[in-house]
Protein backbone atom coordinates (compact mmCIF):
# COMPACT_ATOMS: atom_id res chain seq x y z
CA UNK A 1 0.00 0.00 0.00
CA UNK A 2 1.28 3.46 -0.81
CA UNK A 3 2.41 5.86 1.88
CA UNK A 4 -0.64 8.08 1.32
CA UNK A 5 -2.95 5.09 1.35
CA UNK A 6 -1.49 3.80 4.61
CA UNK A 7 -1.69 7.25 6.23
CA UNK A 8 -5.32 7.48 5.10
CA UNK A 9 -6.14 4.09 6.58
CA UNK A 10 -4.48 5.06 9.86
CA UNK A 11 -6.41 8.34 9.97
CA UNK A 12 -9.67 6.56 9.16
CA UNK A 13 -9.10 3.99 11.89
CA UNK A 14 -8.19 6.72 14.39
CA UNK A 15 -11.47 8.45 13.62
CA UNK A 16 -13.37 5.18 14.03
CA UNK A 17 -11.65 4.51 17.34
CA UNK A 18 -12.40 8.03 18.58
CA UNK A 19 -16.05 7.62 17.58
CA UNK A 20 -16.28 4.31 19.45
CA UNK A 21 -14.68 5.89 22.51
CA UNK A 22 -17.15 8.79 22.41
CA UNK A 23 -20.04 6.34 22.12
CA UNK A 24 -18.69 4.39 25.10
CA UNK A 25 -18.32 7.57 27.15
CA UNK A 26 -21.89 8.53 26.25
CA UNK A 27 -23.19 5.14 27.39
CA UNK A 28 -21.26 5.40 30.65
CA UNK A 29 -22.71 8.88 31.21
CA UNK A 30 -26.20 7.54 30.59
CA UNK A 31 -25.57 4.75 33.09
CA UNK A 32 -24.34 7.25 35.65
CA UNK A 33 -27.45 9.39 35.11
CA UNK A 34 -29.73 6.40 35.62
CA UNK A 35 -27.80 5.44 38.75
CA UNK A 36 -28.21 8.96 40.10
CA UNK A 37 -31.92 8.86 39.27
CA UNK A 38 -32.24 5.59 41.14
CA UNK A 39 -30.47 7.06 44.17
CA UNK A 40 -32.64 10.17 44.07
CA UNK A 41 -35.78 8.05 43.79
CA UNK A 42 -34.70 5.98 46.78
CA UNK A 43 -34.06 9.16 48.78
CA UNK A 44 -37.52 10.47 47.85
CA UNK A 45 -39.08 7.19 48.94
CA UNK A 46 -37.33 7.36 52.31
CA UNK A 47 -38.51 10.97 52.74
CA UNK A 48 -42.09 9.97 51.94
CA UNK A 49 -41.89 7.05 54.37
CA UNK A 50 -40.74 9.47 57.04
CA UNK A 51 -43.71 11.75 56.29
CA UNK A 52 -46.08 8.79 56.58
CA UNK A 53 -44.76 7.97 60.03
CA UNK A 54 -45.07 11.62 61.09
CA UNK A 55 -48.49 12.24 59.50
CA UNK A 56 -50.71 9.13 59.42
CA UNK A 57 -53.27 10.93 57.24
CA UNK A 58 -50.85 10.81 54.33
CA UNK A 59 -50.65 7.02 54.51
CA UNK A 60 -53.75 6.71 52.32
CA UNK A 61 -51.94 8.11 49.28
CA UNK A 62 -48.63 6.46 50.14
CA UNK A 63 -49.60 3.00 48.88
CA UNK A 64 -50.22 4.28 45.33
CA UNK A 65 -47.06 6.37 45.48
CA UNK A 66 -44.99 3.37 46.64
CA UNK A 67 -46.29 1.26 43.77
CA UNK A 68 -45.40 3.95 41.24
CA UNK A 69 -41.95 4.31 42.76
CA UNK A 70 -41.42 0.55 42.62
CA UNK A 71 -42.42 0.54 38.95
CA UNK A 72 -40.07 3.45 38.20
CA UNK A 73 -37.24 1.73 40.08
CA UNK A 74 -37.82 -1.42 38.06
CA UNK A 75 -37.73 0.57 34.81
CA UNK A 76 -34.53 2.32 35.84
CA UNK A 77 -32.85 -0.94 36.89
CA UNK A 78 -33.85 -2.56 33.59
CA UNK A 79 -32.46 0.43 31.73
CA UNK A 80 -29.19 0.18 33.66
CA UNK A 81 -28.93 -3.53 32.85
CA UNK A 82 -29.58 -2.84 29.17
CA UNK A 83 -26.96 -0.08 29.14
CA UNK A 84 -24.49 -2.40 30.88
CA UNK A 85 -24.90 -4.87 28.01
CA UNK A 86 -24.40 -2.04 25.51
CA UNK A 87 -21.33 -0.85 27.40
CA UNK A 88 -19.76 -4.30 27.24
CA UNK A 89 -20.50 -4.53 23.51
CA UNK A 90 -19.03 -1.07 22.97
CA UNK A 91 -15.91 -2.00 24.94
CA UNK A 92 -15.45 -4.95 22.60
CA UNK A 93 -15.89 -2.64 19.61
CA UNK A 94 -13.35 -0.18 21.04
CA UNK A 95 -10.86 -3.01 21.56
CA UNK A 96 -11.43 -4.24 18.00
CA UNK A 97 -11.02 -0.73 16.56
CA UNK A 98 -7.83 -0.30 18.58
CA UNK A 99 -6.43 -3.59 17.26
CA UNK A 100 -7.28 -2.55 13.71
CA UNK A 101 -5.55 0.81 14.17
CA UNK A 102 -2.47 -0.83 15.68
CA UNK A 103 -2.29 -3.23 12.75
CA UNK A 104 -1.96 -0.36 10.29
CA UNK A 105 0.44 1.55 12.52
CA UNK A 106 2.72 -1.48 12.81
CA UNK A 107 2.67 -1.93 9.03
CA UNK A 108 3.58 1.73 8.59
CA UNK A 109 6.40 1.48 11.15
CA UNK A 110 7.80 -1.57 9.40
CA UNK A 111 7.61 0.21 6.05
CA UNK A 112 9.41 3.24 7.48
CA UNK A 113 12.06 0.97 9.01
CA UNK A 114 12.53 -0.80 5.67
CA UNK A 115 12.93 2.55 3.90
CA UNK A 116 15.51 3.68 6.44
CA UNK A 117 17.46 0.45 5.96
CA UNK A 118 17.29 0.90 2.16
CA UNK A 119 18.41 4.53 2.41
CA UNK A 120 21.29 3.61 4.72
CA UNK A 121 22.28 0.81 2.37
CA UNK A 122 22.27 3.17 -0.64
CA UNK A 123 24.30 5.72 1.29
CA UNK A 124 26.80 3.05 2.30
CA UNK A 125 27.03 1.83 -1.32
CA UNK A 126 27.64 5.42 -2.48
CA UNK A 127 30.32 5.88 0.17
CA UNK A 128 31.92 2.54 -0.76
CA UNK A 129 31.94 3.52 -4.43
CA UNK A 130 33.44 6.92 -3.60
CA UNK A 131 36.14 5.29 -1.46
CA UNK A 132 36.87 2.78 -4.23
CA UNK A 133 37.19 5.59 -6.81
CA UNK A 134 39.54 7.51 -4.52
CA UNK A 135 41.58 4.37 -4.01
CA UNK A 136 41.80 3.76 -7.78
CA UNK A 137 42.87 7.35 -8.43
CA UNK A 138 45.61 7.05 -5.85
CA UNK A 139 46.69 3.77 -7.45
CA UNK A 140 46.83 5.41 -10.89
CA UNK A 141 48.81 8.39 -9.56
CA UNK A 142 51.37 6.20 -7.83
C-alpha atoms as a PDB file:
ATOM      1  CA  UNK A   1       0.000   0.000   0.000  1.00  0.00           C
ATOM      2  CA  UNK A   2       1.280   3.461  -0.815  1.00  0.00           C
ATOM      3  CA  UNK A   3       2.409   5.862   1.881  1.00  0.00           C
ATOM      4  CA  UNK A   4      -0.639   8.076   1.323  1.00  0.00           C
ATOM      5  CA  UNK A   5      -2.952   5.088   1.352  1.00  0.00           C
ATOM      6  CA  UNK A   6      -1.493   3.796   4.607  1.00  0.00           C
ATOM      7  CA  UNK A   7      -1.695   7.248   6.226  1.00  0.00           C
ATOM      8  CA  UNK A   8      -5.322   7.478   5.098  1.00  0.00           C
ATOM      9  CA  UNK A   9      -6.138   4.086   6.578  1.00  0.00           C
ATOM     10  CA  UNK A  10      -4.477   5.062   9.855  1.00  0.00           C
ATOM     11  CA  UNK A  11      -6.407   8.335   9.967  1.00  0.00           C
ATOM     12  CA  UNK A  12      -9.671   6.559   9.156  1.00  0.00           C
ATOM     13  CA  UNK A  13      -9.104   3.989  11.891  1.00  0.00           C
ATOM     14  CA  UNK A  14      -8.192   6.716  14.389  1.00  0.00           C
ATOM     15  CA  UNK A  15     -11.470   8.446  13.616  1.00  0.00           C
ATOM     16  CA  UNK A  16     -13.371   5.178  14.028  1.00  0.00           C
ATOM     17  CA  UNK A  17     -11.649   4.510  17.343  1.00  0.00           C
ATOM     18  CA  UNK A  18     -12.401   8.034  18.582  1.00  0.00           C
ATOM     19  CA  UNK A  19     -16.046   7.622  17.584  1.00  0.00           C
ATOM     20  CA  UNK A  20     -16.282   4.308  19.454  1.00  0.00           C
ATOM     21  CA  UNK A  21     -14.679   5.888  22.514  1.00  0.00           C
ATOM     22  CA  UNK A  22     -17.152   8.788  22.408  1.00  0.00           C
ATOM     23  CA  UNK A  23     -20.039   6.340  22.122  1.00  0.00           C
ATOM     24  CA  UNK A  24     -18.690   4.390  25.098  1.00  0.00           C
ATOM     25  CA  UNK A  25     -18.324   7.569  27.155  1.00  0.00           C
ATOM     26  CA  UNK A  26     -21.891   8.531  26.247  1.00  0.00           C
ATOM     27  CA  UNK A  27     -23.191   5.143  27.392  1.00  0.00           C
ATOM     28  CA  UNK A  28     -21.261   5.401  30.646  1.00  0.00           C
ATOM     29  CA  UNK A  29     -22.710   8.885  31.208  1.00  0.00           C
ATOM     30  CA  UNK A  30     -26.203   7.536  30.591  1.00  0.00           C
ATOM     31  CA  UNK A  31     -25.569   4.754  33.085  1.00  0.00           C
ATOM     32  CA  UNK A  32     -24.343   7.251  35.654  1.00  0.00           C
ATOM     33  CA  UNK A  33     -27.449   9.395  35.111  1.00  0.00           C
ATOM     34  CA  UNK A  34     -29.734   6.402  35.622  1.00  0.00           C
ATOM     35  CA  UNK A  35     -27.801   5.438  38.754  1.00  0.00           C
ATOM     36  CA  UNK A  36     -28.211   8.964  40.096  1.00  0.00           C
ATOM     37  CA  UNK A  37     -31.925   8.859  39.267  1.00  0.00           C
ATOM     38  CA  UNK A  38     -32.240   5.589  41.144  1.00  0.00           C
ATOM     39  CA  UNK A  39     -30.468   7.056  44.170  1.00  0.00           C
ATOM     40  CA  UNK A  40     -32.642  10.166  44.068  1.00  0.00           C
ATOM     41  CA  UNK A  41     -35.784   8.047  43.785  1.00  0.00           C
ATOM     42  CA  UNK A  42     -34.704   5.976  46.781  1.00  0.00           C
ATOM     43  CA  UNK A  43     -34.064   9.157  48.783  1.00  0.00           C
ATOM     44  CA  UNK A  44     -37.521  10.473  47.850  1.00  0.00           C
ATOM     45  CA  UNK A  45     -39.083   7.192  48.939  1.00  0.00           C
ATOM     46  CA  UNK A  46     -37.332   7.365  52.312  1.00  0.00           C
ATOM     47  CA  UNK A  47     -38.511  10.972  52.739  1.00  0.00           C
ATOM     48  CA  UNK A  48     -42.092   9.969  51.943  1.00  0.00           C
ATOM     49  CA  UNK A  49     -41.891   7.054  54.367  1.00  0.00           C
ATOM     50  CA  UNK A  50     -40.739   9.474  57.036  1.00  0.00           C
ATOM     51  CA  UNK A  51     -43.707  11.749  56.287  1.00  0.00           C
ATOM     52  CA  UNK A  52     -46.082   8.786  56.575  1.00  0.00           C
ATOM     53  CA  UNK A  53     -44.763   7.969  60.031  1.00  0.00           C
ATOM     54  CA  UNK A  54     -45.071  11.620  61.088  1.00  0.00           C
ATOM     55  CA  UNK A  55     -48.486  12.245  59.503  1.00  0.00           C
ATOM     56  CA  UNK A  56     -50.709   9.130  59.421  1.00  0.00           C
ATOM     57  CA  UNK A  57     -53.273  10.933  57.243  1.00  0.00           C
ATOM     58  CA  UNK A  58     -50.845  10.812  54.333  1.00  0.00           C
ATOM     59  CA  UNK A  59     -50.651   7.019  54.506  1.00  0.00           C
ATOM     60  CA  UNK A  60     -53.752   6.706  52.322  1.00  0.00           C
ATOM     61  CA  UNK A  61     -51.938   8.113  49.284  1.00  0.00           C
ATOM     62  CA  UNK A  62     -48.630   6.456  50.145  1.00  0.00           C
ATOM     63  CA  UNK A  63     -49.604   2.996  48.876  1.00  0.00           C
ATOM     64  CA  UNK A  64     -50.216   4.280  45.330  1.00  0.00           C
ATOM     65  CA  UNK A  65     -47.056   6.366  45.480  1.00  0.00           C
ATOM     66  CA  UNK A  66     -44.989   3.370  46.641  1.00  0.00           C
ATOM     67  CA  UNK A  67     -46.295   1.257  43.770  1.00  0.00           C
ATOM     68  CA  UNK A  68     -45.400   3.950  41.238  1.00  0.00           C
ATOM     69  CA  UNK A  69     -41.946   4.314  42.761  1.00  0.00           C
ATOM     70  CA  UNK A  70     -41.416   0.547  42.617  1.00  0.00           C
ATOM     71  CA  UNK A  71     -42.424   0.537  38.946  1.00  0.00           C
ATOM     72  CA  UNK A  72     -40.067   3.454  38.205  1.00  0.00           C
ATOM     73  CA  UNK A  73     -37.244   1.729  40.077  1.00  0.00           C
ATOM     74  CA  UNK A  74     -37.818  -1.422  38.060  1.00  0.00           C
ATOM     75  CA  UNK A  75     -37.728   0.573  34.808  1.00  0.00           C
ATOM     76  CA  UNK A  76     -34.526   2.315  35.843  1.00  0.00           C
ATOM     77  CA  UNK A  77     -32.855  -0.942  36.891  1.00  0.00           C
ATOM     78  CA  UNK A  78     -33.851  -2.559  33.592  1.00  0.00           C
ATOM     79  CA  UNK A  79     -32.457   0.433  31.728  1.00  0.00           C
ATOM     80  CA  UNK A  80     -29.193   0.181  33.663  1.00  0.00           C
ATOM     81  CA  UNK A  81     -28.933  -3.525  32.854  1.00  0.00           C
ATOM     82  CA  UNK A  82     -29.584  -2.838  29.173  1.00  0.00           C
ATOM     83  CA  UNK A  83     -26.962  -0.077  29.142  1.00  0.00           C
ATOM     84  CA  UNK A  84     -24.488  -2.395  30.877  1.00  0.00           C
ATOM     85  CA  UNK A  85     -24.900  -4.867  28.014  1.00  0.00           C
ATOM     86  CA  UNK A  86     -24.404  -2.043  25.509  1.00  0.00           C
ATOM     87  CA  UNK A  87     -21.326  -0.846  27.399  1.00  0.00           C
ATOM     88  CA  UNK A  88     -19.762  -4.301  27.239  1.00  0.00           C
ATOM     89  CA  UNK A  89     -20.498  -4.535  23.509  1.00  0.00           C
ATOM     90  CA  UNK A  90     -19.034  -1.071  22.970  1.00  0.00           C
ATOM     91  CA  UNK A  91     -15.905  -1.996  24.941  1.00  0.00           C
ATOM     92  CA  UNK A  92     -15.454  -4.950  22.595  1.00  0.00           C
ATOM     93  CA  UNK A  93     -15.894  -2.643  19.607  1.00  0.00           C
ATOM     94  CA  UNK A  94     -13.353  -0.177  21.039  1.00  0.00           C
ATOM     95  CA  UNK A  95     -10.857  -3.006  21.561  1.00  0.00           C
ATOM     96  CA  UNK A  96     -11.432  -4.239  18.003  1.00  0.00           C
ATOM     97  CA  UNK A  97     -11.024  -0.728  16.562  1.00  0.00           C
ATOM     98  CA  UNK A  98      -7.831  -0.301  18.584  1.00  0.00           C
ATOM     99  CA  UNK A  99      -6.433  -3.588  17.259  1.00  0.00           C
ATOM    100  CA  UNK A 100      -7.277  -2.552  13.711  1.00  0.00           C
ATOM    101  CA  UNK A 101      -5.547   0.813  14.174  1.00  0.00           C
ATOM    102  CA  UNK A 102      -2.471  -0.831  15.677  1.00  0.00           C
ATOM    103  CA  UNK A 103      -2.292  -3.234  12.753  1.00  0.00           C
ATOM    104  CA  UNK A 104      -1.963  -0.357  10.287  1.00  0.00           C
ATOM    105  CA  UNK A 105       0.437   1.552  12.524  1.00  0.00           C
ATOM    106  CA  UNK A 106       2.717  -1.477  12.809  1.00  0.00           C
ATOM    107  CA  UNK A 107       2.669  -1.934   9.030  1.00  0.00           C
ATOM    108  CA  UNK A 108       3.581   1.730   8.590  1.00  0.00           C
ATOM    109  CA  UNK A 109       6.403   1.478  11.152  1.00  0.00           C
ATOM    110  CA  UNK A 110       7.803  -1.573   9.397  1.00  0.00           C
ATOM    111  CA  UNK A 111       7.608   0.214   6.049  1.00  0.00           C
ATOM    112  CA  UNK A 112       9.409   3.239   7.484  1.00  0.00           C
ATOM    113  CA  UNK A 113      12.060   0.965   9.010  1.00  0.00           C
ATOM    114  CA  UNK A 114      12.528  -0.797   5.673  1.00  0.00           C
ATOM    115  CA  UNK A 115      12.926   2.551   3.904  1.00  0.00           C
ATOM    116  CA  UNK A 116      15.509   3.680   6.440  1.00  0.00           C
ATOM    117  CA  UNK A 117      17.461   0.454   5.955  1.00  0.00           C
ATOM    118  CA  UNK A 118      17.287   0.899   2.160  1.00  0.00           C
ATOM    119  CA  UNK A 119      18.407   4.530   2.413  1.00  0.00           C
ATOM    120  CA  UNK A 120      21.289   3.608   4.721  1.00  0.00           C
ATOM    121  CA  UNK A 121      22.284   0.805   2.365  1.00  0.00           C
ATOM    122  CA  UNK A 122      22.268   3.175  -0.638  1.00  0.00           C
ATOM    123  CA  UNK A 123      24.300   5.721   1.286  1.00  0.00           C
ATOM    124  CA  UNK A 124      26.798   3.053   2.295  1.00  0.00           C
ATOM    125  CA  UNK A 125      27.032   1.827  -1.315  1.00  0.00           C
ATOM    126  CA  UNK A 126      27.644   5.420  -2.476  1.00  0.00           C
ATOM    127  CA  UNK A 127      30.320   5.876   0.174  1.00  0.00           C
ATOM    128  CA  UNK A 128      31.921   2.540  -0.764  1.00  0.00           C
ATOM    129  CA  UNK A 129      31.939   3.522  -4.431  1.00  0.00           C
ATOM    130  CA  UNK A 130      33.436   6.916  -3.600  1.00  0.00           C
ATOM    131  CA  UNK A 131      36.142   5.289  -1.465  1.00  0.00           C
ATOM    132  CA  UNK A 132      36.875   2.777  -4.234  1.00  0.00           C
ATOM    133  CA  UNK A 133      37.190   5.592  -6.813  1.00  0.00           C
ATOM    134  CA  UNK A 134      39.543   7.513  -4.520  1.00  0.00           C
ATOM    135  CA  UNK A 135      41.583   4.365  -4.010  1.00  0.00           C
ATOM    136  CA  UNK A 136      41.796   3.755  -7.781  1.00  0.00           C
ATOM    137  CA  UNK A 137      42.868   7.351  -8.433  1.00  0.00           C
ATOM    138  CA  UNK A 138      45.613   7.051  -5.853  1.00  0.00           C
ATOM    139  CA  UNK A 139      46.686   3.766  -7.448  1.00  0.00           C
ATOM    140  CA  UNK A 140      46.833   5.410 -10.894  1.00  0.00           C
ATOM    141  CA  UNK A 141      48.815   8.386  -9.556  1.00  0.00           C
ATOM    142  CA  UNK A 142      51.366   6.196  -7.828  1.00  0.00           C
END
